[in-house]
């Protein structure tokens, strides 16, 4: 698959940009429209690039100063059914699905560290659902709470910040995680206190044996192992932009259910439930951050080499050539 570059450049810069793109063998459909841009005034340059080389092209454009004096917009077309596109994909090392555009990763990480209203609302709803799952001992509701929870975007931002050396991003992401979970637990605790005061929730609802949801506050070695694998999967999905894979990550780890159980434990003041939930929450977040950071570091350092050599192992190049 190709990606489409739409560049707006000052007139004085257009020749240098045009010459660079013209000499690049991973580019096709290069068009230049002098004076087409009104605000800011300049030229419009567009081209299609093999996704595997998009990161390199973007780096060179930034070196030319296009991102400072002009504009860069990258989009992914729904399809490129023409022979030149097929040839560019076949010539590029690896498979387009494995290509990583680090500027896109950084952009997604920045977005994941923003404390939006919707983030907090989704987390409150997820923690509330997890609390109800504890009371009803419903594994189905636990899964629902996991899917609704938005917290992995902030965890992925922590991982990306560590690997990219963006410590400000790491700090903003960790702050979002801590404050958003604290807020969600506080709100659900208030709800639980109201339910407890009206008799809708009893101490036994929280402390009784729960065969379907007891694992929420009983962390063990496997909880950490699952968090490691989930963090690695989520980080890789972030890097290669596989949003559908994120759903599997969301339903793998019990961060949100642990937070819901913690809120109920505070409401009925069951110290065992409180400490167990905190341990589960901490182990999951720590495991995902460790594995996610290591996976992104692997992608950052050796992924291009692995992608290029994967064609020899999996035969992806021959499959595309057909």
Protein backbone atom coordinates (compact mmCIF):
# COMPACT_ATOMS: atom_id res chain seq x y z
CA UNK A 1 0.00 0.00 0.00
CA UNK A 2 1.16 3.50 -0.79
CA UNK A 3 0.72 6.60 1.34
CA UNK A 4 -0.12 10.02 -0.07
CA UNK A 5 1.93 13.11 0.74
CA UNK A 6 0.35 16.54 0.32
CA UNK A 7 2.95 19.29 0.72
CA UNK A 8 2.55 23.05 0.78
CA UNK A 9 5.85 24.82 0.23
CA UNK A 10 7.06 28.40 -0.14
CA UNK A 11 8.06 29.20 -3.73
CA UNK A 12 11.73 29.50 -2.77
CA UNK A 13 11.71 25.94 -1.38
CA UNK A 14 9.67 24.21 -4.09
CA UNK A 15 12.55 23.40 -6.48
CA UNK A 16 14.57 21.67 -3.77
CA UNK A 17 11.57 19.64 -2.64
CA UNK A 18 10.61 18.77 -6.22
CA UNK A 19 14.15 17.65 -7.08
CA UNK A 20 14.39 15.46 -3.98
CA UNK A 21 11.06 13.76 -4.70
CA UNK A 22 11.88 13.39 -8.40
CA UNK A 23 15.14 11.56 -7.62
CA UNK A 24 13.50 9.20 -5.10
CA UNK A 25 12.72 5.82 -6.65
CA UNK A 26 10.05 4.97 -4.05
CA UNK A 27 7.79 7.81 -5.25
CA UNK A 28 5.23 8.04 -8.05
CA UNK A 29 2.40 10.34 -9.14
CA UNK A 30 4.48 13.45 -8.40
CA UNK A 31 2.56 16.61 -9.21
CA UNK A 32 3.46 20.27 -8.73
CA UNK A 33 0.91 23.07 -8.85
CA UNK A 34 2.73 26.44 -8.73
CA UNK A 35 0.88 29.12 -6.80
CA UNK A 36 -2.02 26.83 -5.92
CA UNK A 37 -1.76 27.52 -2.18
CA UNK A 38 -3.36 30.76 -1.00
CA UNK A 39 -2.83 30.61 2.77
CA UNK A 40 0.05 30.59 3.30
CA UNK A 41 1.04 31.54 -0.23
CA UNK A 42 3.08 28.92 -2.04
CA UNK A 43 3.05 25.83 -4.23
CA UNK A 44 1.19 22.54 -3.82
CA UNK A 45 3.24 19.35 -4.28
CA UNK A 46 1.68 15.89 -4.05
CA UNK A 47 3.04 12.39 -4.48
CA UNK A 48 2.47 8.75 -3.55
CA UNK A 49 5.16 6.93 -1.59
CA UNK A 50 5.76 3.26 -0.80
CA UNK A 51 4.75 2.95 2.83
CA UNK A 52 8.01 1.20 3.73
CA UNK A 53 9.93 4.35 2.70
CA UNK A 54 7.45 6.93 4.02
CA UNK A 55 9.43 7.49 7.20
CA UNK A 56 12.65 8.15 5.29
CA UNK A 57 10.91 10.56 2.91
CA UNK A 58 9.32 12.39 5.83
CA UNK A 59 12.67 12.72 7.59
CA UNK A 60 14.25 14.25 4.47
CA UNK A 61 11.35 16.67 4.05
CA UNK A 62 11.78 17.78 7.64
CA UNK A 63 15.53 18.22 7.01
CA UNK A 64 14.61 20.54 4.13
CA UNK A 65 12.45 22.56 6.53
CA UNK A 66 9.07 21.84 4.94
CA UNK A 67 7.48 21.22 8.36
CA UNK A 68 8.57 24.69 9.54
CA UNK A 69 7.99 26.85 6.47
CA UNK A 70 5.23 24.89 4.76
CA UNK A 71 2.90 22.03 5.54
CA UNK A 72 2.93 18.21 5.44
CA UNK A 73 -0.22 16.09 5.34
CA UNK A 74 -0.01 12.29 5.05
CA UNK A 75 -3.04 10.16 4.22
CA UNK A 76 -3.58 6.48 3.43
CA UNK A 77 -5.67 5.79 0.33
CA UNK A 78 -8.25 3.00 0.47
CA UNK A 79 -6.68 1.38 -2.56
CA UNK A 80 -3.96 1.82 -5.20
CA UNK A 81 -4.94 -0.57 -8.01
CA UNK A 82 -2.32 0.31 -10.62
CA UNK A 83 0.83 -1.37 -11.85
CA UNK A 84 3.37 1.21 -10.68
CA UNK A 85 2.04 0.99 -7.12
CA UNK A 86 2.36 -2.80 -7.21
CA UNK A 87 5.93 -2.51 -8.46
CA UNK A 88 6.93 0.04 -5.81
CA UNK A 89 5.53 -2.23 -3.09
CA UNK A 90 7.36 -5.24 -4.55
CA UNK A 91 10.67 -3.35 -4.71
CA UNK A 92 10.44 -1.97 -1.17
CA UNK A 93 11.95 -4.17 1.57
CA UNK A 94 9.46 -5.99 3.76
CA UNK A 95 5.69 -5.71 3.69
CA UNK A 96 3.71 -2.44 3.89
CA UNK A 97 1.78 -3.75 6.91
CA UNK A 98 5.06 -3.94 8.86
CA UNK A 99 6.20 -0.40 8.03
CA UNK A 100 6.60 2.03 10.93
CA UNK A 101 6.25 5.80 10.53
CA UNK A 102 7.72 7.15 13.76
CA UNK A 103 6.22 10.60 13.33
CA UNK A 104 2.82 8.90 13.32
CA UNK A 105 3.73 6.93 16.44
CA UNK A 106 4.80 10.13 18.16
CA UNK A 107 1.59 11.87 17.09
CA UNK A 108 -0.55 9.05 18.46
CA UNK A 109 1.45 9.07 21.68
CA UNK A 110 0.95 12.82 22.09
CA UNK A 111 -2.79 12.36 21.57
CA UNK A 112 -2.88 9.54 24.11
CA UNK A 113 -1.43 11.80 26.81
CA UNK A 114 -4.14 14.47 26.53
CA UNK A 115 -6.62 14.50 29.47
CA UNK A 116 -9.79 14.80 27.41
CA UNK A 117 -13.28 14.81 28.87
CA UNK A 118 -14.19 11.70 26.89
CA UNK A 119 -11.18 9.83 28.33
CA UNK A 120 -12.36 10.49 31.88
CA UNK A 121 -15.99 9.68 31.10
CA UNK A 122 -15.09 6.37 29.46
CA UNK A 123 -12.84 5.43 32.38
CA UNK A 124 -15.54 6.26 34.96
CA UNK A 125 -18.08 4.19 33.04
CA UNK A 126 -15.60 1.31 32.70
CA UNK A 127 -14.74 1.33 36.42
CA UNK A 128 -18.45 1.50 37.30
CA UNK A 129 -19.16 -1.49 35.05
CA UNK A 130 -16.29 -3.34 36.72
CA UNK A 131 -17.80 -2.57 40.14
CA UNK A 132 -21.15 -3.98 39.05
CA UNK A 133 -19.32 -7.04 37.67
CA UNK A 134 -17.86 -7.61 41.15
CA UNK A 135 -21.26 -7.37 42.84
CA UNK A 136 -22.94 -9.68 40.33
CA UNK A 137 -19.88 -11.92 39.87
CA UNK A 138 -20.25 -11.52 36.11
CA UNK A 139 -17.28 -12.37 33.88
CA UNK A 140 -19.17 -10.93 30.91
CA UNK A 141 -19.37 -7.53 32.58
CA UNK A 142 -15.66 -7.71 33.41
CA UNK A 143 -14.89 -8.10 29.71
CA UNK A 144 -17.25 -5.24 28.90
CA UNK A 145 -15.48 -3.00 31.39
CA UNK A 146 -12.11 -3.92 29.88
CA UNK A 147 -13.25 -3.01 26.37
CA UNK A 148 -14.70 0.35 27.44
CA UNK A 149 -11.60 1.38 29.39
CA UNK A 150 -9.38 3.85 27.46
CA UNK A 151 -6.32 3.59 29.68
CA UNK A 152 -4.02 1.75 27.29
CA UNK A 153 -3.61 4.84 25.10
CA UNK A 154 -1.92 6.58 28.03
CA UNK A 155 0.17 3.51 28.84
CA UNK A 156 1.31 3.32 25.20
CA UNK A 157 2.22 7.01 25.40
CA UNK A 158 4.46 6.27 28.38
CA UNK A 159 6.22 3.53 26.39
CA UNK A 160 6.66 5.73 23.32
CA UNK A 161 7.94 8.59 25.44
CA UNK A 162 10.56 6.36 27.07
CA UNK A 163 11.84 4.97 23.76
CA UNK A 164 11.82 8.33 21.96
CA UNK A 165 13.44 10.12 24.91
CA UNK A 166 10.42 12.39 25.29
CA UNK A 167 10.43 12.63 29.08
CA UNK A 168 7.86 15.41 29.09
CA UNK A 169 5.51 13.03 27.27
CA UNK A 170 6.27 10.32 29.84
CA UNK A 171 5.42 12.71 32.66
CA UNK A 172 2.15 13.86 31.07
CA UNK A 173 1.10 10.29 30.36
CA UNK A 174 1.84 9.08 33.89
CA UNK A 175 0.03 12.07 35.33
CA UNK A 176 -3.00 11.28 33.19
CA UNK A 177 -2.97 7.65 34.31
CA UNK A 178 -2.70 8.46 38.00
CA UNK A 179 -5.18 11.32 38.07
CA UNK A 180 -7.76 9.69 35.79
CA UNK A 181 -7.76 6.45 37.76
CA UNK A 182 -7.93 8.38 41.03
CA UNK A 183 -10.89 10.39 39.73
CA UNK A 184 -12.71 7.32 38.39
CA UNK A 185 -12.17 5.37 41.61
CA UNK A 186 -13.34 8.37 43.64
CA UNK A 187 -16.54 8.72 41.62
CA UNK A 188 -17.34 5.00 41.74
CA UNK A 189 -16.54 4.92 45.46
CA UNK A 190 -19.11 7.67 46.02
CA UNK A 191 -21.64 5.66 44.00
CA UNK A 192 -20.83 2.57 46.04
CA UNK A 193 -21.24 4.49 49.32
CA UNK A 194 -24.69 5.63 48.21
CA UNK A 195 -25.58 2.06 47.25
CA UNK A 196 -24.23 0.82 50.58
CA UNK A 197 -26.20 3.42 52.50
CA UNK A 198 -29.44 2.44 50.77
CA UNK A 199 -28.88 -1.28 51.26
CA UNK A 200 -28.33 -1.99 47.56
CA UNK A 201 -24.71 -2.95 48.30
CA UNK A 202 -23.64 -4.99 51.32
CA UNK A 203 -20.23 -5.93 52.70
CA UNK A 204 -20.91 -9.53 51.73
CA UNK A 205 -21.38 -8.55 48.08
CA UNK A 206 -17.74 -7.53 47.98
CA UNK A 207 -16.09 -9.98 50.38
CA UNK A 208 -17.97 -13.19 49.55
CA UNK A 209 -16.32 -15.86 47.35
CA UNK A 210 -16.60 -14.90 43.69
CA UNK A 211 -15.56 -17.78 41.43
CA UNK A 212 -15.95 -15.76 38.22
CA UNK A 213 -14.37 -12.46 39.26
CA UNK A 214 -12.20 -13.29 42.27
CA UNK A 215 -9.09 -13.13 40.07
CA UNK A 216 -9.53 -9.34 39.86
CA UNK A 217 -7.92 -8.75 43.24
CA UNK A 218 -5.74 -11.86 43.48
CA UNK A 219 -2.61 -10.96 41.48
CA UNK A 220 -0.07 -13.69 40.86
CA UNK A 221 2.89 -14.30 38.60
CA UNK A 222 0.59 -15.02 35.67
CA UNK A 223 -1.06 -11.63 36.03
CA UNK A 224 2.29 -9.99 35.40
CA UNK A 225 3.11 -12.35 32.52
CA UNK A 226 -0.21 -11.52 30.84
CA UNK A 227 0.50 -7.81 31.29
CA UNK A 228 3.90 -8.26 29.64
CA UNK A 229 2.43 -9.91 26.56
CA UNK A 230 -0.45 -7.43 26.39
CA UNK A 231 1.94 -4.49 26.63
CA UNK A 232 4.10 -5.89 23.85
CA UNK A 233 1.08 -6.50 21.62
CA UNK A 234 -0.31 -3.04 22.26
CA UNK A 235 3.00 -1.31 21.57
CA UNK A 236 3.42 -3.19 18.30
CA UNK A 237 -0.16 -2.35 17.32
CA UNK A 238 0.60 1.31 18.01
CA UNK A 239 3.76 1.21 15.89
CA UNK A 240 2.22 -0.44 12.82
CA UNK A 241 -1.20 1.20 13.27
CA UNK A 242 -3.27 -1.92 13.89
CA UNK A 243 -6.11 -0.42 15.91
CA UNK A 244 -8.19 -3.61 15.76
CA UNK A 245 -5.48 -5.45 17.69
CA UNK A 246 -5.97 -3.02 20.57
CA UNK A 247 -9.30 -4.66 21.43
CA UNK A 248 -7.44 -7.84 22.28
CA UNK A 249 -5.14 -5.86 24.55
CA UNK A 250 -8.08 -4.19 26.28
CA UNK A 251 -9.63 -7.54 27.23
CA UNK A 252 -6.34 -9.13 28.31
CA UNK A 253 -5.45 -7.19 31.43
CA UNK A 254 -7.48 -6.36 34.51
CA UNK A 255 -6.51 -2.76 35.14
CA UNK A 256 -10.06 -1.38 34.98
CA UNK A 257 -11.64 -4.34 36.86
CA UNK A 258 -9.03 -3.93 39.60
CA UNK A 259 -9.95 -0.25 39.85
CA UNK A 260 -13.64 -1.13 40.15
CA UNK A 261 -12.92 -3.67 42.85
CA UNK A 262 -10.75 -1.10 44.62
CA UNK A 263 -13.62 1.39 44.67
CA UNK A 264 -15.95 -1.17 46.24
CA UNK A 265 -13.27 -2.24 48.71
CA UNK A 266 -12.88 1.37 49.84
CA UNK A 267 -16.65 1.82 50.12
CA UNK A 268 -17.01 -1.17 52.48
CA UNK A 269 -13.48 -0.70 53.84
CA UNK A 270 -12.22 -4.22 53.20
CA UNK A 271 -8.44 -3.91 53.46
CA UNK A 272 -7.81 -7.25 51.78
CA UNK A 273 -9.78 -6.20 48.73
CA UNK A 274 -8.10 -2.78 48.70
CA UNK A 275 -4.53 -4.09 48.89
CA UNK A 276 -5.18 -6.91 46.44
CA UNK A 277 -6.74 -4.54 43.92
CA UNK A 278 -3.86 -2.07 44.24
CA UNK A 279 -1.36 -4.88 43.70
CA UNK A 280 -3.24 -6.11 40.63
CA UNK A 281 -3.51 -2.60 39.19
CA UNK A 282 0.17 -1.84 39.81
CA UNK A 283 1.40 -5.16 38.40
CA UNK A 284 -0.63 -4.75 35.23
CA UNK A 285 0.46 -1.18 34.54
CA UNK A 286 4.11 -1.97 35.34
CA UNK A 287 4.11 -5.07 33.14
CA UNK A 288 2.60 -3.26 30.18
CA UNK A 289 5.00 -0.31 30.46
CA UNK A 290 8.06 -2.59 30.70
CA UNK A 291 7.10 -4.86 27.82
CA UNK A 292 5.71 -2.04 25.68
CA UNK A 293 8.89 0.00 26.06
CA UNK A 294 11.12 -2.97 25.25
CA UNK A 295 9.04 -3.85 22.19
CA UNK A 296 9.13 -0.28 20.87
CA UNK A 297 12.89 -0.19 21.51
CA UNK A 298 13.21 -3.34 19.41
CA UNK A 299 11.12 -1.74 16.66
CA UNK A 300 13.19 1.43 16.86
CA UNK A 301 16.55 -0.34 16.59
CA UNK A 302 16.22 -3.57 14.60
CA UNK A 303 12.75 -3.58 13.02
CA UNK A 304 13.85 -2.44 9.51
CA UNK A 305 16.42 -5.26 9.40
CA UNK A 306 13.87 -7.81 10.63
CA UNK A 307 11.26 -6.62 8.12
CA UNK A 308 13.73 -6.80 5.22
CA UNK A 309 14.81 -10.33 6.14
CA UNK A 310 11.28 -11.53 6.85
CA UNK A 311 10.67 -11.81 3.10
CA UNK A 312 13.20 -14.62 2.93
CA UNK A 313 11.44 -16.48 5.73
CA UNK A 314 7.75 -15.85 4.98
CA UNK A 315 7.93 -15.23 1.25
CA UNK A 316 5.89 -12.01 1.47
CA UNK A 317 7.73 -10.51 -1.48
CA UNK A 318 6.78 -13.41 -3.78
CA UNK A 319 3.19 -13.23 -2.57
CA UNK A 320 2.96 -9.53 -3.49
CA UNK A 321 4.67 -10.08 -6.82
CA UNK A 322 1.87 -12.42 -7.83
